[in-house]
C-alpha atoms as a PDB file:
ATOM      1  CA  MET A   1       0.000   0.000   0.000  1.00  0.00           C
ATOM      2  CA  SER A   2       1.283   3.480  -0.793  1.00  0.00           C
ATOM      3  CA  ASP A   3       2.631   5.646   2.017  1.00  0.00           C
ATOM      4  CA  ILE A   4       0.064   8.326   1.140  1.00  0.00           C
ATOM      5  CA  ILE A   5      -2.876   6.010   1.820  1.00  0.00           C
ATOM      6  CA  THR A   6      -1.215   4.351   4.842  1.00  0.00           C
ATOM      7  CA  GLN A   7      -0.347   7.649   6.538  1.00  0.00           C
ATOM      8  CA  GLY A   8      -3.614   9.281   5.508  1.00  0.00           C
ATOM      9  CA  ALA A   9      -5.655   6.452   6.995  1.00  0.00           C
ATOM     10  CA  LYS A  10      -3.697   6.791  10.247  1.00  0.00           C
ATOM     11  CA  GLU A  11      -4.426  10.518  10.371  1.00  0.00           C
ATOM     12  CA  LEU A  12      -8.116   9.731   9.887  1.00  0.00           C
ATOM     13  CA  ASN A  13      -7.933   7.038  12.611  1.00  0.00           C
ATOM     14  CA  ILE A  14      -8.966   4.363  10.117  1.00  0.00           C
ATOM     15  CA  ILE A  15      -7.604   0.820  10.310  1.00  0.00           C
ATOM     16  CA  LEU A  16      -7.518  -0.586   6.782  1.00  0.00           C
ATOM     17  CA  PRO A  17      -7.849  -4.332   6.134  1.00  0.00           C
ATOM     18  CA  SER A  18      -4.743  -6.130   4.885  1.00  0.00           C
ATOM     19  CA  GLU A  19      -6.130  -6.523   1.355  1.00  0.00           C
ATOM     20  CA  ALA A  20      -6.838  -2.800   0.954  1.00  0.00           C
ATOM     21  CA  GLY A  21      -3.424  -1.989  -0.510  1.00  0.00           C
ATOM     22  CA  ALA A  22      -3.802  -4.362  -3.450  1.00  0.00           C
ATOM     23  CA  ALA A  23      -7.365  -3.166  -4.011  1.00  0.00           C
ATOM     24  CA  PHE A  24      -6.365   0.501  -4.187  1.00  0.00           C
ATOM     25  CA  GLU A  25      -3.493  -0.345  -6.573  1.00  0.00           C
ATOM     26  CA  ALA A  26      -5.860  -2.236  -8.873  1.00  0.00           C
ATOM     27  CA  TYR A  27      -8.333   0.658  -8.649  1.00  0.00           C
ATOM     28  CA  GLN A  28      -5.566   3.058  -9.734  1.00  0.00           C
ATOM     29  CA  GLU A  29      -4.709   0.899 -12.734  1.00  0.00           C
ATOM     30  CA  LEU A  30      -8.299   0.686 -13.940  1.00  0.00           C
ATOM     31  CA  LEU A  31      -8.805   4.425 -13.576  1.00  0.00           C
ATOM     32  CA  LYS A  32      -5.630   4.985 -15.586  1.00  0.00           C
ATOM     33  CA  SER A  33      -6.560   2.565 -18.370  1.00  0.00           C
ATOM     34  CA  GLN A  34     -10.283   3.368 -18.589  1.00  0.00           C
ATOM     35  CA  GLY A  35     -10.579   6.896 -17.234  1.00  0.00           C
ATOM     36  CA  GLU A  36     -10.044   8.932 -20.395  1.00  0.00           C
ATOM     37  CA  THR A  37     -12.340   6.889 -22.605  1.00  0.00           C
ATOM     38  CA  VAL A  38     -15.194   6.923 -20.073  1.00  0.00           C
ATOM     39  CA  ASN A  39     -14.525  10.480 -18.826  1.00  0.00           C
ATOM     40  CA  LEU A  40     -14.382   9.317 -15.223  1.00  0.00           C
ATOM     41  CA  THR A  41     -12.143  11.887 -13.576  1.00  0.00           C
ATOM     42  CA  ALA A  42     -10.081  14.929 -14.491  1.00  0.00           C
ATOM     43  CA  ILE A  43      -7.532  13.906 -11.848  1.00  0.00           C
ATOM     44  CA  SER A  44      -4.980  11.483 -13.275  1.00  0.00           C
ATOM     45  CA  GLU A  45      -1.702  11.766 -11.328  1.00  0.00           C
ATOM     46  CA  ALA A  46      -1.379   8.785  -8.988  1.00  0.00           C
ATOM     47  CA  GLU A  47      -0.662  10.803  -5.846  1.00  0.00           C
ATOM     48  CA  ASP A  48      -3.533  13.181  -6.580  1.00  0.00           C
ATOM     49  CA  VAL A  49      -5.927  10.253  -7.066  1.00  0.00           C
ATOM     50  CA  GLU A  50      -4.826   8.815  -3.715  1.00  0.00           C
ATOM     51  CA  ARG A  51      -5.336  12.088  -1.870  1.00  0.00           C
ATOM     52  CA  LEU A  52      -8.230  13.766  -3.686  1.00  0.00           C
ATOM     53  CA  HIS A  53     -10.318  10.660  -4.417  1.00  0.00           C
ATOM     54  CA  PHE A  54      -9.334   7.776  -2.130  1.00  0.00           C
ATOM     55  CA  LEU A  55      -8.549   9.660   1.100  1.00  0.00           C
ATOM     56  CA  ASP A  56     -11.339  12.168   0.501  1.00  0.00           C
ATOM     57  CA  SER A  57     -13.776   9.247   0.293  1.00  0.00           C
ATOM     58  CA  LEU A  58     -12.292   7.471   3.316  1.00  0.00           C
ATOM     59  CA  ALA A  59     -12.745  10.622   5.419  1.00  0.00           C
ATOM     60  CA  LEU A  60     -16.451   9.728   5.725  1.00  0.00           C
ATOM     61  CA  LEU A  61     -15.461   6.821   7.967  1.00  0.00           C
ATOM     62  CA  SER A  62     -14.205   9.301  10.555  1.00  0.00           C
ATOM     63  CA  VAL A  63     -17.610  11.023  10.669  1.00  0.00           C
ATOM     64  CA  THR A  64     -19.966   8.081  11.274  1.00  0.00           C
ATOM     65  CA  SER A  65     -19.893   4.284  11.452  1.00  0.00           C
ATOM     66  CA  PHE A  66     -20.534   2.367   8.234  1.00  0.00           C
ATOM     67  CA  LYS A  67     -20.125  -1.075   9.810  1.00  0.00           C
ATOM     68  CA  ASN A  68     -22.740  -3.522   8.458  1.00  0.00           C
ATOM     69  CA  ALA A  69     -24.635  -0.603   6.902  1.00  0.00           C
ATOM     70  CA  LYS A  70     -26.721  -0.869   3.755  1.00  0.00           C
ATOM     71  CA  VAL A  71     -25.310   2.002   1.659  1.00  0.00           C
ATOM     72  CA  ILE A  72     -26.271   3.545  -1.678  1.00  0.00           C
ATOM     73  CA  ASP A  73     -23.940   5.917  -3.541  1.00  0.00           C
ATOM     74  CA  ILE A  74     -25.908   8.275  -5.804  1.00  0.00           C
ATOM     75  CA  GLY A  75     -24.170   9.548  -8.952  1.00  0.00           C
ATOM     76  CA  SER A  76     -21.272   7.235  -8.212  1.00  0.00           C
ATOM     77  CA  GLY A  77     -19.380   7.951 -11.462  1.00  0.00           C
ATOM     78  CA  ALA A  78     -15.931   6.414 -10.998  1.00  0.00           C
ATOM     79  CA  GLY A  79     -16.999   4.861  -7.698  1.00  0.00           C
ATOM     80  CA  PHE A  80     -16.418   7.709  -5.245  1.00  0.00           C
ATOM     81  CA  PRO A  81     -17.004   7.575  -2.369  1.00  0.00           C
ATOM     82  CA  GLY A  82     -18.718   4.150  -2.367  1.00  0.00           C
ATOM     83  CA  VAL A  83     -15.927   1.851  -3.552  1.00  0.00           C
ATOM     84  CA  PRO A  84     -13.160   3.210  -1.281  1.00  0.00           C
ATOM     85  CA  LEU A  85     -15.599   2.936   1.632  1.00  0.00           C
ATOM     86  CA  LYS A  86     -16.286  -0.709   0.750  1.00  0.00           C
ATOM     87  CA  ILE A  87     -12.543  -1.439   0.455  1.00  0.00           C
ATOM     88  CA  ALA A  88     -11.953   0.005   3.916  1.00  0.00           C
ATOM     89  CA  GLU A  89     -15.123  -1.411   5.513  1.00  0.00           C
ATOM     90  CA  PRO A  90     -15.953  -4.708   3.749  1.00  0.00           C
ATOM     91  CA  SER A  91     -19.084  -5.244   5.879  1.00  0.00           C
ATOM     92  CA  ILE A  92     -20.910  -2.545   3.880  1.00  0.00           C
ATOM     93  CA  ASP A  93     -23.776  -3.780   1.686  1.00  0.00           C
ATOM     94  CA  LEU A  94     -23.093  -1.450  -1.253  1.00  0.00           C
ATOM     95  CA  THR A  95     -25.206  -0.189  -4.150  1.00  0.00           C
ATOM     96  CA  LEU A  96     -23.662   2.123  -6.773  1.00  0.00           C
ATOM     97  CA  LEU A  97     -26.137   4.117  -8.876  1.00  0.00           C
ATOM     98  CA  ASP A  98     -25.356   6.229 -11.941  1.00  0.00           C
ATOM     99  CA  ALA A  99     -27.456   7.478 -14.848  1.00  0.00           C
ATOM    100  CA  THR A 100     -24.667   7.003 -17.440  1.00  0.00           C
ATOM    101  CA  GLY A 101     -24.353   3.550 -18.976  1.00  0.00           C
ATOM    102  CA  LYS A 102     -20.592   3.768 -19.662  1.00  0.00           C
ATOM    103  CA  ARG A 103     -19.896   4.644 -16.051  1.00  0.00           C
ATOM    104  CA  VAL A 104     -22.027   1.778 -14.773  1.00  0.00           C
ATOM    105  CA  ALA A 105     -20.148  -0.583 -17.115  1.00  0.00           C
ATOM    106  CA  PHE A 106     -16.895   0.704 -15.591  1.00  0.00           C
ATOM    107  CA  LEU A 107     -18.247   0.209 -12.074  1.00  0.00           C
ATOM    108  CA  LYS A 108     -19.169  -3.397 -12.861  1.00  0.00           C
ATOM    109  CA  LYS A 109     -15.690  -4.027 -14.293  1.00  0.00           C
ATOM    110  CA  LEU A 110     -14.121  -2.323 -11.272  1.00  0.00           C
ATOM    111  CA  CYS A 111     -16.056  -4.356  -8.718  1.00  0.00           C
ATOM    112  CA  SER A 112     -15.229  -7.569 -10.573  1.00  0.00           C
ATOM    113  CA  ALA A 113     -11.519  -6.689 -10.717  1.00  0.00           C
ATOM    114  CA  LEU A 114     -11.403  -5.823  -7.017  1.00  0.00           C
ATOM    115  CA  GLY A 115     -13.455  -8.831  -5.939  1.00  0.00           C
ATOM    116  CA  ILE A 116     -16.091  -6.505  -4.493  1.00  0.00           C
ATOM    117  CA  ASN A 117     -19.668  -7.667  -4.137  1.00  0.00           C
ATOM    118  CA  ALA A 118     -21.782  -4.599  -4.974  1.00  0.00           C
ATOM    119  CA  THR A 119     -24.959  -3.840  -6.895  1.00  0.00           C
ATOM    120  CA  CYS A 120     -24.343  -1.513  -9.869  1.00  0.00           C
ATOM    121  CA  LEU A 121     -27.509   0.227 -11.081  1.00  0.00           C
ATOM    122  CA  HIS A 122     -27.915   2.081 -14.375  1.00  0.00           C
ATOM    123  CA  ALA A 123     -30.814   4.291 -13.327  1.00  0.00           C
ATOM    124  CA  ARG A 124     -31.974   7.790 -12.521  1.00  0.00           C
ATOM    125  CA  ALA A 125     -32.218   8.430  -8.800  1.00  0.00           C
ATOM    126  CA  GLU A 126     -35.557  10.239  -9.001  1.00  0.00           C
ATOM    127  CA  GLU A 127     -37.106   7.174 -10.684  1.00  0.00           C
ATOM    128  CA  SER A 128     -35.289   4.421  -8.812  1.00  0.00           C
ATOM    129  CA  SER A 129     -36.263   5.736  -5.373  1.00  0.00           C
ATOM    130  CA  HIS A 130     -39.946   5.153  -6.182  1.00  0.00           C
ATOM    131  CA  GLU A 131     -39.315   1.403  -6.576  1.00  0.00           C
ATOM    132  CA  SER A 132     -40.500  -0.530  -3.539  1.00  0.00           C
ATOM    133  CA  ASP A 133     -37.290  -2.544  -3.129  1.00  0.00           C
ATOM    134  CA  LYS A 134     -35.220   0.649  -2.907  1.00  0.00           C
ATOM    135  CA  ARG A 135     -37.458   3.267  -1.333  1.00  0.00           C
ATOM    136  CA  GLU A 136     -36.423   3.892   2.273  1.00  0.00           C
ATOM    137  CA  LYS A 137     -34.379   0.676   2.341  1.00  0.00           C
ATOM    138  CA  TYR A 138     -30.898   2.106   3.053  1.00  0.00           C
ATOM    139  CA  ASP A 139     -29.158   2.982   6.306  1.00  0.00           C
ATOM    140  CA  ILE A 140     -26.909   5.519   4.587  1.00  0.00           C
ATOM    141  CA  CYS A 141     -27.086   7.357   1.279  1.00  0.00           C
ATOM    142  CA  VAL A 142     -23.876   9.086   0.181  1.00  0.00           C
ATOM    143  CA  SER A 143     -23.350  11.487  -2.693  1.00  0.00           C
ATOM    144  CA  ARG A 144     -20.357  13.344  -4.023  1.00  0.00           C
ATOM    145  CA  ALA A 145     -22.382  14.521  -7.015  1.00  0.00           C
ATOM    146  CA  VAL A 146     -22.122  18.140  -8.103  1.00  0.00           C
ATOM    147  CA  ALA A 147     -25.583  19.586  -7.515  1.00  0.00           C
ATOM    148  CA  LYS A 148     -27.165  22.016  -5.095  1.00  0.00           C
ATOM    149  CA  LEU A 149     -27.987  20.467  -1.734  1.00  0.00           C
ATOM    150  CA  ASN A 150     -31.737  21.118  -2.008  1.00  0.00           C
ATOM    151  CA  ILE A 151     -31.778  19.173  -5.292  1.00  0.00           C
ATOM    152  CA  LEU A 152     -29.615  16.378  -3.862  1.00  0.00           C
ATOM    153  CA  CYS A 153     -31.951  16.076  -0.881  1.00  0.00           C
ATOM    154  CA  GLU A 154     -34.908  15.427  -3.153  1.00  0.00           C
ATOM    155  CA  LEU A 155     -32.918  12.921  -5.217  1.00  0.00           C
ATOM    156  CA  CYS A 156     -31.450  11.068  -2.242  1.00  0.00           C
ATOM    157  CA  LEU A 157     -33.587  11.211   0.900  1.00  0.00           C
ATOM    158  CA  ALA A 158     -36.308   8.885  -0.392  1.00  0.00           C
ATOM    159  CA  PHE A 159     -33.719   6.054  -0.428  1.00  0.00           C
ATOM    160  CA  VAL A 160     -33.003   6.489   3.291  1.00  0.00           C
ATOM    161  CA  LYS A 161     -34.988   4.622   5.930  1.00  0.00           C
ATOM    162  CA  PRO A 162     -36.253   6.613   8.935  1.00  0.00           C
ATOM    163  CA  GLY A 163     -33.382   6.812  11.398  1.00  0.00           C
ATOM    164  CA  GLY A 164     -30.814   6.641   8.593  1.00  0.00           C
ATOM    165  CA  LEU A 165     -28.443   9.244   7.195  1.00  0.00           C
ATOM    166  CA  PHE A 166     -27.966  11.150   3.971  1.00  0.00           C
ATOM    167  CA  ILE A 167     -24.339  12.292   3.702  1.00  0.00           C
ATOM    168  CA  SER A 168     -23.509  14.945   1.122  1.00  0.00           C
ATOM    169  CA  MET A 169     -19.891  15.837   0.313  1.00  0.00           C
ATOM    170  CA  LYS A 170     -19.537  19.588  -0.153  1.00  0.00           C
ATOM    171  CA  SER A 171     -17.043  22.436  -0.183  1.00  0.00           C
ATOM    172  CA  THR A 172     -16.549  24.662   2.849  1.00  0.00           C
ATOM    173  CA  ASN A 173     -18.259  27.598   1.128  1.00  0.00           C
ATOM    174  CA  SER A 174     -21.607  25.807   1.246  1.00  0.00           C
ATOM    175  CA  ASP A 175     -23.148  27.707   4.181  1.00  0.00           C
ATOM    176  CA  GLU A 176     -25.737  29.459   2.017  1.00  0.00           C
ATOM    177  CA  GLU A 177     -26.487  26.206   0.180  1.00  0.00           C
ATOM    178  CA  ILE A 178     -27.132  24.426   3.472  1.00  0.00           C
ATOM    179  CA  THR A 179     -29.452  27.216   4.629  1.00  0.00           C
ATOM    180  CA  SER A 180     -31.321  27.157   1.304  1.00  0.00           C
ATOM    181  CA  ALA A 181     -31.831  23.390   1.604  1.00  0.00           C
ATOM    182  CA  GLN A 182     -33.682  23.631   4.912  1.00  0.00           C
ATOM    183  CA  ASN A 183     -37.130  23.576   3.294  1.00  0.00           C
ATOM    184  CA  ALA A 184     -36.234  20.478   1.253  1.00  0.00           C
ATOM    185  CA  ILE A 185     -34.841  18.749   4.342  1.00  0.00           C
ATOM    186  CA  ASN A 186     -38.010  19.458   6.360  1.00  0.00           C
ATOM    187  CA  THR A 187     -40.398  18.607   3.516  1.00  0.00           C
ATOM    188  CA  LEU A 188     -38.752  15.213   2.980  1.00  0.00           C
ATOM    189  CA  GLY A 189     -38.988  14.157   6.622  1.00  0.00           C
ATOM    190  CA  ALA A 190     -35.459  14.893   7.763  1.00  0.00           C
ATOM    191  CA  GLN A 191     -33.373  17.321   9.785  1.00  0.00           C
ATOM    192  CA  LEU A 192     -29.889  18.733   9.492  1.00  0.00           C
ATOM    193  CA  GLN A 193     -27.811  16.857  12.058  1.00  0.00           C
ATOM    194  CA  GLU A 194     -24.474  18.640  11.594  1.00  0.00           C
ATOM    195  CA  TYR A 195     -21.769  19.447   9.119  1.00  0.00           C
ATOM    196  CA  VAL A 196     -18.131  18.593   9.638  1.00  0.00           C
ATOM    197  CA  ASP A 197     -15.139  20.207   7.964  1.00  0.00           C
ATOM    198  CA  TYR A 198     -12.049  18.035   7.508  1.00  0.00           C
ATOM    199  CA  THR A 199      -8.615  18.413   5.983  1.00  0.00           C
ATOM    200  CA  ILE A 200      -7.628  15.771   3.449  1.00  0.00           C
ATOM    201  CA  PRO A 201      -4.475  14.204   4.923  1.00  0.00           C
ATOM    202  CA  ASN A 202      -1.159  15.400   3.481  1.00  0.00           C
ATOM    203  CA  THR A 203      -2.846  18.415   1.837  1.00  0.00           C
ATOM    204  CA  ASP A 204      -4.101  21.848   2.848  1.00  0.00           C
ATOM    205  CA  ILE A 205      -7.467  21.129   1.215  1.00  0.00           C
ATOM    206  CA  VAL A 206     -10.492  21.385   3.492  1.00  0.00           C
ATOM    207  CA  HIS A 207     -13.793  19.764   2.513  1.00  0.00           C
ATOM    208  CA  ARG A 208     -17.126  19.396   4.266  1.00  0.00           C
ATOM    209  CA  VAL A 209     -19.583  16.587   4.895  1.00  0.00           C
ATOM    210  CA  VAL A 210     -23.207  17.460   5.575  1.00  0.00           C
ATOM    211  CA  LEU A 211     -25.092  14.886   7.656  1.00  0.00           C
ATOM    212  CA  ILE A 212     -28.875  14.881   7.325  1.00  0.00           C
ATOM    213  CA  ARG A 213     -30.873  12.531   9.559  1.00  0.00           C
ATOM    214  CA  LYS A 214     -34.080  10.981   8.232  1.00  0.00           C
ATOM    215  CA  LEU A 215     -36.831  11.216  10.859  1.00  0.00           C
ATOM    216  CA  SER A 216     -39.982  10.060   9.085  1.00  0.00           C
ATOM    217  CA  PRO A 217     -41.050   8.662   5.691  1.00  0.00           C
ATOM    218  CA  SER A 218     -40.788  11.049   2.756  1.00  0.00           C
ATOM    219  CA  PRO A 219     -44.112  12.054   1.152  1.00  0.00           C
ATOM    220  CA  ALA A 220     -45.030   9.627  -1.633  1.00  0.00           C
ATOM    221  CA  ASN A 221     -44.979  12.298  -4.356  1.00  0.00           C
ATOM    222  CA  TYR A 222     -41.248  12.961  -3.859  1.00  0.00           C
ATOM    223  CA  PRO A 223     -38.936  12.929  -5.640  1.00  0.00           C
ATOM    224  CA  ARG A 224     -40.611  14.557  -8.634  1.00  0.00           C
ATOM    225  CA  ARG A 225     -39.450  14.285 -12.235  1.00  0.00           C
ATOM    226  CA  PHE A 226     -36.039  15.866 -12.723  1.00  0.00           C
ATOM    227  CA  ALA A 227     -37.356  18.630 -14.986  1.00  0.00           C
ATOM    228  CA  LYS A 228     -39.723  19.650 -12.192  1.00  0.00           C
ATOM    229  CA  ILE A 229     -36.990  19.416  -9.538  1.00  0.00           C
ATOM    230  CA  SER A 230     -34.734  21.660 -11.633  1.00  0.00           C
ATOM    231  CA  LYS A 231     -37.454  24.155 -12.492  1.00  0.00           C
ATOM    232  CA  SER A 232     -38.950  24.434  -8.996  1.00  0.00           C
ATOM    233  CA  PRO A 233     -36.469  23.201  -6.373  1.00  0.00           C
ATOM    234  CA  LEU A 234     -37.801  22.759  -2.863  1.00  0.00           C
END
């Protein structure tokens, strides 16, 4: 395992399983060989991938426990943060959802190469969360997707069971975004629990995780169609 990941995990107080090193190396190789053709990530240098993707994803483990949790990663793309979380905490029951077929094909190839048992869904979140086997069936929903928090709340909270968590990865200049999402959070049966700022190990980059606790079932008419969500956000 690279020193960057080893030292970074120590700084985050995360104990990685013995097989994690080989898994992260294989992950690097697949990103390198497939990344450009599938447009997975603009970050290509190995050390940057380790810090800005792998360690950034692993930082979630220092915020809440994922042990034995049923987790869905919305807009998973190249697998962040879901796959690094699964590498570090193999007890996670993981679902990776993305609306782009090429990315889902990559995720399937990635999970096969890493020996990871995960469900890879080619679907739109606002449609998939209305399906009975997915609606309010997850302990934790995570998303690193680039969208306003009020929109992400509508796309993600219907997956979370009452008592569970929606975790959104944001920048530290998201104060106004968090405030603006309050109506969406309340409407969908949740409350803002807290947000935590963290420094990615071995960098001076500070990111934020927003933790939203689901309190009660979301109203059946949410989420709406994406055109409606975009036009009239909660």
